[in-house]
Amino acid sequence: MNNRQKDEFNLQVRKILKQFGVNAHRLIEERFESNTSNCQISIKLEVDSKQIEEIKTIINIDS
């Protein structure tokens, strides 16, 4: 990739990550508004319909 292509690639990746992050935050927050118990979160990344990464965590807020 040349510099212009790298810049465009990076811009597109940042846009999709921001969109995902904002939506995921909103959905998780909505869940905690109705239920403050521990929440298991799993984020999976697929590229070309193949899972290449999965991140799991538990969100725990003090009551």
Foldseek 3Di string as FASTA:
>chain_A
DDPVVVVVVVVVVVVVVVVVVVVVVVVVVVVCVVPQAKDKDKDWDDDPNHTDDIDIDIDHDDD
